[in-house]
Amino acid sequence: EQLGWIPPGIANPAGAILAHAVCGEDSFIAILK
């Protein structure tokens, strides 16, 4: 429920932030490798 909650304004939900953090790290390391 916390992951899917849509905050007011244009802030992103926690689920998107968490997915972005990990998928981004996965992508950055893939670029380096």
Full PDB file with SEQRES, HELIX, SHEET, SSBOND, CRYST1, ORIGX, SCALE, CONECT and MASTER records, all heavy atoms in Angstrom:
SEQRES   1 A   33  GLU GLN LEU GLY TRP ILE PRO PRO GLY ILE ALA ASN PRO          
SEQRES   2 A   33  ALA GLY ALA ILE LEU ALA HIS ALA VAL CYS GLY GLU ASP          
SEQRES   3 A   33  SER PHE ILE ALA ILE LEU LYS                                  
HELIX    1 AA1 ALA A   14  LEU A   32  1                                  19    
CRYST1    1.000    1.000    1.000  90.00  90.00  90.00 P 1           1          
ORIGX1      1.000000  0.000000  0.000000        0.00000                         
ORIGX2      0.000000  1.000000  0.000000        0.00000                         
ORIGX3      0.000000  0.000000  1.000000        0.00000                         
SCALE1      1.000000  0.000000  0.000000        0.00000                         
SCALE2      0.000000  1.000000  0.000000        0.00000                         
SCALE3      0.000000  0.000000  1.000000        0.00000                         
ATOM      1  N   GLU A   1       0.838  -1.211   0.000  1.00  0.00           N  
ATOM      2  CA  GLU A   1       0.000   0.000   0.000  1.00  0.00           C  
ATOM      3  C   GLU A   1       0.870   1.256   0.000  1.00  0.00           C  
ATOM      4  O   GLU A   1       0.576   2.221  -0.714  1.00  0.00           O  
ATOM      5  CB  GLU A   1      -0.940   0.007   1.217  1.00  0.00           C  
ATOM      6  CG  GLU A   1      -1.996  -1.082   1.203  1.00  0.00           C  
ATOM      7  CD  GLU A   1      -1.441  -2.479   1.543  1.00  0.00           C  
ATOM      8  OE1 GLU A   1      -0.438  -2.589   2.284  1.00  0.00           O  
ATOM      9  OE2 GLU A   1      -2.021  -3.459   1.033  1.00  0.00           O  
ATOM     10  N   GLN A   2       1.935   1.243   0.790  1.00  0.00           N  
ATOM     11  CA  GLN A   2       2.851   2.382   0.813  1.00  0.00           C  
ATOM     12  C   GLN A   2       3.564   2.546  -0.521  1.00  0.00           C  
ATOM     13  O   GLN A   2       3.792   3.662  -0.979  1.00  0.00           O  
ATOM     14  CB  GLN A   2       3.880   2.225   1.936  1.00  0.00           C  
ATOM     15  CG  GLN A   2       3.288   2.361   3.313  1.00  0.00           C  
ATOM     16  CD  GLN A   2       4.242   1.902   4.404  1.00  0.00           C  
ATOM     17  OE1 GLN A   2       5.108   1.054   4.187  1.00  0.00           O  
ATOM     18  NE2 GLN A   2       4.066   2.458   5.595  1.00  0.00           N  
ATOM     19  N   LEU A   3       3.904   1.438  -1.154  1.00  0.00           N  
ATOM     20  CA  LEU A   3       4.584   1.497  -2.448  1.00  0.00           C  
ATOM     21  C   LEU A   3       3.688   2.098  -3.532  1.00  0.00           C  
ATOM     22  O   LEU A   3       4.168   2.803  -4.413  1.00  0.00           O  
ATOM     23  CB  LEU A   3       5.027   0.101  -2.882  1.00  0.00           C  
ATOM     24  CG  LEU A   3       6.177  -0.509  -2.109  1.00  0.00           C  
ATOM     25  CD1 LEU A   3       6.338  -1.980  -2.467  1.00  0.00           C  
ATOM     26  CD2 LEU A   3       7.469   0.250  -2.353  1.00  0.00           C  
ATOM     27  N   GLY A   4       2.406   1.801  -3.478  1.00  0.00           N  
ATOM     28  CA  GLY A   4       1.483   2.250  -4.519  1.00  0.00           C  
ATOM     29  C   GLY A   4       0.834   3.594  -4.267  1.00  0.00           C  
ATOM     30  O   GLY A   4       0.184   4.144  -5.157  1.00  0.00           O  
ATOM     31  N   TRP A   5       0.994   4.140  -3.063  1.00  0.00           N  
ATOM     32  CA  TRP A   5       0.358   5.418  -2.709  1.00  0.00           C  
ATOM     33  C   TRP A   5       0.853   6.536  -3.616  1.00  0.00           C  
ATOM     34  O   TRP A   5       2.054   6.712  -3.809  1.00  0.00           O  
ATOM     35  CB  TRP A   5       0.655   5.743  -1.243  1.00  0.00           C  
ATOM     36  CG  TRP A   5       0.092   7.041  -0.773  1.00  0.00           C  
ATOM     37  CD1 TRP A   5      -1.219   7.321  -0.538  1.00  0.00           C  
ATOM     38  CD2 TRP A   5       0.816   8.234  -0.462  1.00  0.00           C  
ATOM     39  NE1 TRP A   5      -1.360   8.623  -0.101  1.00  0.00           N  
ATOM     40  CE2 TRP A   5      -0.114   9.204  -0.044  1.00  0.00           C  
ATOM     41  CE3 TRP A   5       2.173   8.570  -0.503  1.00  0.00           C  
ATOM     42  CZ2 TRP A   5       0.256  10.482   0.332  1.00  0.00           C  
ATOM     43  CZ3 TRP A   5       2.552   9.843  -0.132  1.00  0.00           C  
ATOM     44  CH2 TRP A   5       1.595  10.790   0.284  1.00  0.00           C  
ATOM     45  N   ILE A   6      -0.085   7.277  -4.188  1.00  0.00           N  
ATOM     46  CA  ILE A   6       0.255   8.406  -5.067  1.00  0.00           C  
ATOM     47  C   ILE A   6       0.319   9.666  -4.205  1.00  0.00           C  
ATOM     48  O   ILE A   6      -0.708  10.112  -3.670  1.00  0.00           O  
ATOM     49  CB  ILE A   6      -0.798   8.588  -6.186  1.00  0.00           C  
ATOM     50  CG1 ILE A   6      -1.000   7.296  -6.987  1.00  0.00           C  
ATOM     51  CG2 ILE A   6      -0.422   9.768  -7.075  1.00  0.00           C  
ATOM     52  CD1 ILE A   6       0.149   6.870  -7.837  1.00  0.00           C  
ATOM     53  N   PRO A   7       1.501  10.251  -4.069  1.00  0.00           N  
ATOM     54  CA  PRO A   7       1.618  11.458  -3.245  1.00  0.00           C  
ATOM     55  C   PRO A   7       1.004  12.668  -3.949  1.00  0.00           C  
ATOM     56  O   PRO A   7       0.792  12.649  -5.161  1.00  0.00           O  
ATOM     57  CB  PRO A   7       3.130  11.626  -3.080  1.00  0.00           C  
ATOM     58  CG  PRO A   7       3.735  10.894  -4.225  1.00  0.00           C  
ATOM     59  CD  PRO A   7       2.773   9.806  -4.604  1.00  0.00           C  
ATOM     60  N   PRO A   8       0.723  13.714  -3.184  1.00  0.00           N  
ATOM     61  CA  PRO A   8       0.167  14.922  -3.806  1.00  0.00           C  
ATOM     62  C   PRO A   8       1.191  15.574  -4.735  1.00  0.00           C  
ATOM     63  O   PRO A   8       2.386  15.313  -4.635  1.00  0.00           O  
ATOM     64  CB  PRO A   8      -0.157  15.826  -2.608  1.00  0.00           C  
ATOM     65  CG  PRO A   8       0.655  15.307  -1.479  1.00  0.00           C  
ATOM     66  CD  PRO A   8       0.893  13.852  -1.745  1.00  0.00           C  
ATOM     67  N   GLY A   9       0.691  16.398  -5.617  1.00  0.00           N  
ATOM     68  CA  GLY A   9       1.580  17.095  -6.542  1.00  0.00           C  
ATOM     69  C   GLY A   9       2.095  16.170  -7.621  1.00  0.00           C  
ATOM     70  O   GLY A   9       1.381  15.283  -8.081  1.00  0.00           O  
ATOM     71  N   ILE A  10       3.347  16.361  -7.975  1.00  0.00           N  
ATOM     72  CA  ILE A  10       3.927  15.558  -9.052  1.00  0.00           C  
ATOM     73  C   ILE A  10       5.009  14.599  -8.544  1.00  0.00           C  
ATOM     74  O   ILE A  10       5.751  14.029  -9.331  1.00  0.00           O  
ATOM     75  CB  ILE A  10       4.482  16.445 -10.186  1.00  0.00           C  
ATOM     76  CG1 ILE A  10       5.594  17.367  -9.666  1.00  0.00           C  
ATOM     77  CG2 ILE A  10       3.371  17.242 -10.850  1.00  0.00           C  
ATOM     78  CD1 ILE A  10       6.348  18.101 -10.763  1.00  0.00           C  
ATOM     79  N   ALA A  11       5.101  14.434  -7.227  1.00  0.00           N  
ATOM     80  CA  ALA A  11       6.065  13.475  -6.669  1.00  0.00           C  
ATOM     81  C   ALA A  11       5.695  12.062  -7.101  1.00  0.00           C  
ATOM     82  O   ALA A  11       4.531  11.755  -7.363  1.00  0.00           O  
ATOM     83  CB  ALA A  11       6.080  13.580  -5.147  1.00  0.00           C  
ATOM     84  N   ASN A  12       6.692  11.220  -7.186  1.00  0.00           N  
ATOM     85  CA  ASN A  12       6.486   9.843  -7.624  1.00  0.00           C  
ATOM     86  C   ASN A  12       6.204   8.911  -6.449  1.00  0.00           C  
ATOM     87  O   ASN A  12       6.688   9.137  -5.343  1.00  0.00           O  
ATOM     88  CB  ASN A  12       7.727   9.348  -8.377  1.00  0.00           C  
ATOM     89  CG  ASN A  12       7.916  10.075  -9.682  1.00  0.00           C  
ATOM     90  OD1 ASN A  12       6.962  10.277 -10.428  1.00  0.00           O  
ATOM     91  ND2 ASN A  12       9.136  10.480  -9.968  1.00  0.00           N  
ATOM     92  N   PRO A  13       5.447   7.845  -6.682  1.00  0.00           N  
ATOM     93  CA  PRO A  13       5.170   6.863  -5.636  1.00  0.00           C  
ATOM     94  C   PRO A  13       6.443   6.137  -5.202  1.00  0.00           C  
ATOM     95  O   PRO A  13       7.410   6.009  -5.964  1.00  0.00           O  
ATOM     96  CB  PRO A  13       4.206   5.881  -6.296  1.00  0.00           C  
ATOM     97  CG  PRO A  13       3.716   6.535  -7.531  1.00  0.00           C  
ATOM     98  CD  PRO A  13       4.751   7.529  -7.938  1.00  0.00           C  
ATOM     99  N   ALA A  14       6.418   5.635  -3.977  1.00  0.00           N  
ATOM    100  CA  ALA A  14       7.575   4.934  -3.419  1.00  0.00           C  
ATOM    101  C   ALA A  14       7.961   3.716  -4.259  1.00  0.00           C  
ATOM    102  O   ALA A  14       9.149   3.425  -4.415  1.00  0.00           O  
ATOM    103  CB  ALA A  14       7.291   4.515  -1.981  1.00  0.00           C  
ATOM    104  N   GLY A  15       6.985   3.004  -4.803  1.00  0.00           N  
ATOM    105  CA  GLY A  15       7.297   1.834  -5.629  1.00  0.00           C  
ATOM    106  C   GLY A  15       8.145   2.194  -6.829  1.00  0.00           C  
ATOM    107  O   GLY A  15       9.080   1.466  -7.188  1.00  0.00           O  
ATOM    108  N   ALA A  16       7.839   3.320  -7.447  1.00  0.00           N  
ATOM    109  CA  ALA A  16       8.618   3.765  -8.599  1.00  0.00           C  
ATOM    110  C   ALA A  16      10.019   4.190  -8.183  1.00  0.00           C  
ATOM    111  O   ALA A  16      11.002   3.896  -8.877  1.00  0.00           O  
ATOM    112  CB  ALA A  16       7.905   4.912  -9.305  1.00  0.00           C  
ATOM    113  N   ILE A  17      10.120   4.870  -7.043  1.00  0.00           N  
ATOM    114  CA  ILE A  17      11.428   5.296  -6.553  1.00  0.00           C  
ATOM    115  C   ILE A  17      12.303   4.075  -6.264  1.00  0.00           C  
ATOM    116  O   ILE A  17      13.472   4.022  -6.649  1.00  0.00           O  
ATOM    117  CB  ILE A  17      11.276   6.161  -5.279  1.00  0.00           C  
ATOM    118  CG1 ILE A  17      10.451   7.413  -5.548  1.00  0.00           C  
ATOM    119  CG2 ILE A  17      12.645   6.501  -4.686  1.00  0.00           C  
ATOM    120  CD1 ILE A  17      11.037   8.381  -6.514  1.00  0.00           C  
ATOM    121  N   LEU A  18      11.731   3.091  -5.600  1.00  0.00           N  
ATOM    122  CA  LEU A  18      12.478   1.890  -5.257  1.00  0.00           C  
ATOM    123  C   LEU A  18      12.890   1.128  -6.512  1.00  0.00           C  
ATOM    124  O   LEU A  18      14.052   0.704  -6.646  1.00  0.00           O  
ATOM    125  CB  LEU A  18      11.644   1.012  -4.316  1.00  0.00           C  
ATOM    126  CG  LEU A  18      12.310  -0.233  -3.759  1.00  0.00           C  
ATOM    127  CD1 LEU A  18      13.620   0.086  -3.057  1.00  0.00           C  
ATOM    128  CD2 LEU A  18      11.352  -0.950  -2.809  1.00  0.00           C  
ATOM    129  N   ALA A  19      11.963   0.950  -7.438  1.00  0.00           N  
ATOM    130  CA  ALA A  19      12.290   0.258  -8.690  1.00  0.00           C  
ATOM    131  C   ALA A  19      13.370   1.017  -9.458  1.00  0.00           C  
ATOM    132  O   ALA A  19      14.310   0.412  -9.984  1.00  0.00           O  
ATOM    133  CB  ALA A  19      11.036   0.109  -9.548  1.00  0.00           C  
ATOM    134  N   HIS A  20      13.253   2.330  -9.497  1.00  0.00           N  
ATOM    135  CA  HIS A  20      14.242   3.150 -10.200  1.00  0.00           C  
ATOM    136  C   HIS A  20      15.624   3.021  -9.555  1.00  0.00           C  
ATOM    137  O   HIS A  20      16.635   2.915 -10.253  1.00  0.00           O  
ATOM    138  CB  HIS A  20      13.793   4.619 -10.208  1.00  0.00           C  
ATOM    139  CG  HIS A  20      14.809   5.557 -10.742  1.00  0.00           C  
ATOM    140  ND1 HIS A  20      15.188   5.578 -12.069  1.00  0.00           N  
ATOM    141  CD2 HIS A  20      15.537   6.519 -10.128  1.00  0.00           C  
ATOM    142  CE1 HIS A  20      16.109   6.513 -12.249  1.00  0.00           C  
ATOM    143  NE2 HIS A  20      16.337   7.098 -11.076  1.00  0.00           N  
ATOM    144  N   ALA A  21      15.674   3.009  -8.238  1.00  0.00           N  
ATOM    145  CA  ALA A  21      16.958   2.895  -7.542  1.00  0.00           C  
ATOM    146  C   ALA A  21      17.668   1.604  -7.933  1.00  0.00           C  
ATOM    147  O   ALA A  21      18.856   1.618  -8.294  1.00  0.00           O  
ATOM    148  CB  ALA A  21      16.748   2.960  -6.031  1.00  0.00           C  
ATOM    149  N   VAL A  22      16.967   0.494  -7.892  1.00  0.00           N  
ATOM    150  CA  VAL A  22      17.599  -0.800  -8.138  1.00  0.00           C  
ATOM    151  C   VAL A  22      17.813  -1.045  -9.636  1.00  0.00           C  
ATOM    152  O   VAL A  22      18.899  -1.469 -10.045  1.00  0.00           O  
ATOM    153  CB  VAL A  22      16.793  -1.940  -7.477  1.00  0.00           C  
ATOM    154  CG1 VAL A  22      17.408  -3.303  -7.799  1.00  0.00           C  
ATOM    155  CG2 VAL A  22      16.732  -1.720  -5.965  1.00  0.00           C  
ATOM    156  N   CYS A  23      16.816  -0.760 -10.451  1.00  0.00           N  
ATOM    157  CA  CYS A  23      16.994  -0.933 -11.903  1.00  0.00           C  
ATOM    158  C   CYS A  23      18.063   0.015 -12.435  1.00  0.00           C  
ATOM    159  O   CYS A  23      18.819  -0.344 -13.342  1.00  0.00           O  
ATOM    160  CB  CYS A  23      15.680  -0.698 -12.642  1.00  0.00           C  
ATOM    161  SG  CYS A  23      14.432  -1.958 -12.361  1.00  0.00           S  
ATOM    162  N   GLY A  24      18.127   1.219 -11.866  1.00  0.00           N  
ATOM    163  CA  GLY A  24      19.161   2.165 -12.268  1.00  0.00           C  
ATOM    164  C   GLY A  24      20.547   1.639 -11.935  1.00  0.00           C  
ATOM    165  O   GLY A  24      21.468   1.701 -12.754  1.00  0.00           O  
ATOM    166  N   GLU A  25      20.712   1.110 -10.741  1.00  0.00           N  
ATOM    167  CA  GLU A  25      22.008   0.553 -10.347  1.00  0.00           C  
ATOM    168  C   GLU A  25      22.374  -0.626 -11.238  1.00  0.00           C  
ATOM    169  O   GLU A  25      23.527  -0.752 -11.680  1.00  0.00           O  
ATOM    170  CB  GLU A  25      21.945   0.128  -8.886  1.00  0.00           C  
ATOM    171  CG  GLU A  25      23.278  -0.200  -8.301  1.00  0.00           C  
ATOM    172  CD  GLU A  25      23.236  -0.336  -6.793  1.00  0.00           C  
ATOM    173  OE1 GLU A  25      22.565   0.460  -6.117  1.00  0.00           O  
ATOM    174  OE2 GLU A  25      23.901  -1.260  -6.293  1.00  0.00           O  
ATOM    175  N   ASP A  26      21.415  -1.469 -11.521  1.00  0.00           N  
ATOM    176  CA  ASP A  26      21.614  -2.597 -12.435  1.00  0.00           C  
ATOM    177  C   ASP A  26      22.106  -2.066 -13.787  1.00  0.00           C  
ATOM    178  O   ASP A  26      23.076  -2.576 -14.357  1.00  0.00           O  
ATOM    179  CB  ASP A  26      20.282  -3.351 -12.578  1.00  0.00           C  
ATOM    180  CG  ASP A  26      20.350  -4.608 -13.426  1.00  0.00           C  
ATOM    181  OD1 ASP A  26      21.442  -5.020 -13.868  1.00  0.00           O  
ATOM    182  OD2 ASP A  26      19.267  -5.191 -13.641  1.00  0.00           O  
ATOM    183  N   SER A  27      21.475  -1.021 -14.284  1.00  0.00           N  
ATOM    184  CA  SER A  27      21.834  -0.446 -15.580  1.00  0.00           C  
ATOM    185  C   SER A  27      23.212   0.205 -15.564  1.00  0.00           C  
ATOM    186  O   SER A  27      23.991   0.048 -16.510  1.00  0.00           O  
ATOM    187  CB  SER A  27      20.791   0.590 -16.002  1.00  0.00           C  
ATOM    188  OG  SER A  27      19.537  -0.009 -16.169  1.00  0.00           O  
ATOM    189  N   PHE A  28      23.517   0.955 -14.510  1.00  0.00           N  
ATOM    190  CA  PHE A  28      24.816   1.626 -14.424  1.00  0.00           C  
ATOM    191  C   PHE A  28      25.955   0.611 -14.439  1.00  0.00           C  
ATOM    192  O   PHE A  28      26.954   0.786 -15.141  1.00  0.00           O  
ATOM    193  CB  PHE A  28      24.925   2.486 -13.163  1.00  0.00           C  
ATOM    194  CG  PHE A  28      23.944   3.627 -13.094  1.00  0.00           C  
ATOM    195  CD1 PHE A  28      23.372   3.978 -11.886  1.00  0.00           C  
ATOM    196  CD2 PHE A  28      23.589   4.356 -14.214  1.00  0.00           C  
ATOM    197  CE1 PHE A  28      22.470   5.029 -11.799  1.00  0.00           C  
ATOM    198  CE2 PHE A  28      22.687   5.403 -14.149  1.00  0.00           C  
ATOM    199  CZ  PHE A  28      22.127   5.742 -12.932  1.00  0.00           C  
ATOM    200  N   ILE A  29      25.797  -0.461 -13.674  1.00  0.00           N  
ATOM    201  CA  ILE A  29      26.846  -1.481 -13.632  1.00  0.00           C  
ATOM    202  C   ILE A  29      26.941  -2.195 -14.974  1.00  0.00           C  
ATOM    203  O   ILE A  29      28.040  -2.509 -15.444  1.00  0.00           O  
ATOM    204  CB  ILE A  29      26.615  -2.477 -12.470  1.00  0.00           C  
ATOM    205  CG1 ILE A  29      26.766  -1.750 -11.134  1.00  0.00           C  
ATOM    206  CG2 ILE A  29      27.561  -3.669 -12.556  1.00  0.00           C  
ATOM    207  CD1 ILE A  29      28.123  -1.085 -10.889  1.00  0.00           C  
ATOM    208  N   ALA A  30      25.816  -2.431 -15.624  1.00  0.00           N  
ATOM    209  CA  ALA A  30      25.836  -3.056 -16.954  1.00  0.00           C  
ATOM    210  C   ALA A  30      26.602  -2.182 -17.943  1.00  0.00           C  
ATOM    211  O   ALA A  30      27.376  -2.696 -18.759  1.00  0.00           O  
ATOM    212  CB  ALA A  30      24.415  -3.317 -17.440  1.00  0.00           C  
ATOM    213  N   ILE A  31      26.405  -0.875 -17.866  1.00  0.00           N  
ATOM    214  CA  ILE A  31      27.149   0.047 -18.742  1.00  0.00           C  
ATOM    215  C   ILE A  31      28.649  -0.110 -18.484  1.00  0.00           C  
ATOM    216  O   ILE A  31      29.450  -0.204 -19.416  1.00  0.00           O  
ATOM    217  CB  ILE A  31      26.691   1.503 -18.523  1.00  0.00           C  
ATOM    218  CG1 ILE A  31      25.286   1.704 -19.087  1.00  0.00           C  
ATOM    219  CG2 ILE A  31      27.679   2.491 -19.151  1.00  0.00           C  
ATOM    220  CD1 ILE A  31      24.620   3.000 -18.660  1.00  0.00           C  
ATOM    221  N   LEU A  32      29.027  -0.152 -17.225  1.00  0.00           N  
ATOM    222  CA  LEU A  32      30.442  -0.264 -16.875  1.00  0.00           C  
ATOM    223  C   LEU A  32      31.033  -1.606 -17.290  1.00  0.00           C  
ATOM    224  O   LEU A  32      32.202  -1.688 -17.665  1.00  0.00           O  
ATOM    225  CB  LEU A  32      30.623  -0.046 -15.375  1.00  0.00           C  
ATOM    226  CG  LEU A  32      30.238   1.348 -14.882  1.00  0.00           C  
ATOM    227  CD1 LEU A  32      30.322   1.415 -13.361  1.00  0.00           C  
ATOM    228  CD2 LEU A  32      31.103   2.417 -15.527  1.00  0.00           C  
ATOM    229  N   LYS A  33      30.220  -2.651 -17.226  1.00  0.00           N  
ATOM    230  CA  LYS A  33      30.677  -3.991 -17.614  1.00  0.00           C  
ATOM    231  C   LYS A  33      30.508  -4.238 -19.111  1.00  0.00           C  
ATOM    232  O   LYS A  33      30.899  -5.292 -19.604  1.00  0.00           O  
ATOM    233  CB  LYS A  33      29.878  -5.052 -16.840  1.00  0.00           C  
ATOM    234  CG  LYS A  33      30.191  -5.088 -15.365  1.00  0.00           C  
ATOM    235  CD  LYS A  33      29.280  -6.028 -14.609  1.00  0.00           C  
ATOM    236  CE  LYS A  33      29.320  -7.427 -15.163  1.00  0.00           C  
ATOM    237  NZ  LYS A  33      28.469  -8.384 -14.436  1.00  0.00           N  
TER     238      LYS A  33                                                      
MASTER        0    0    0    1    0    0    0    6  237    1    0    3          
END                                                                             
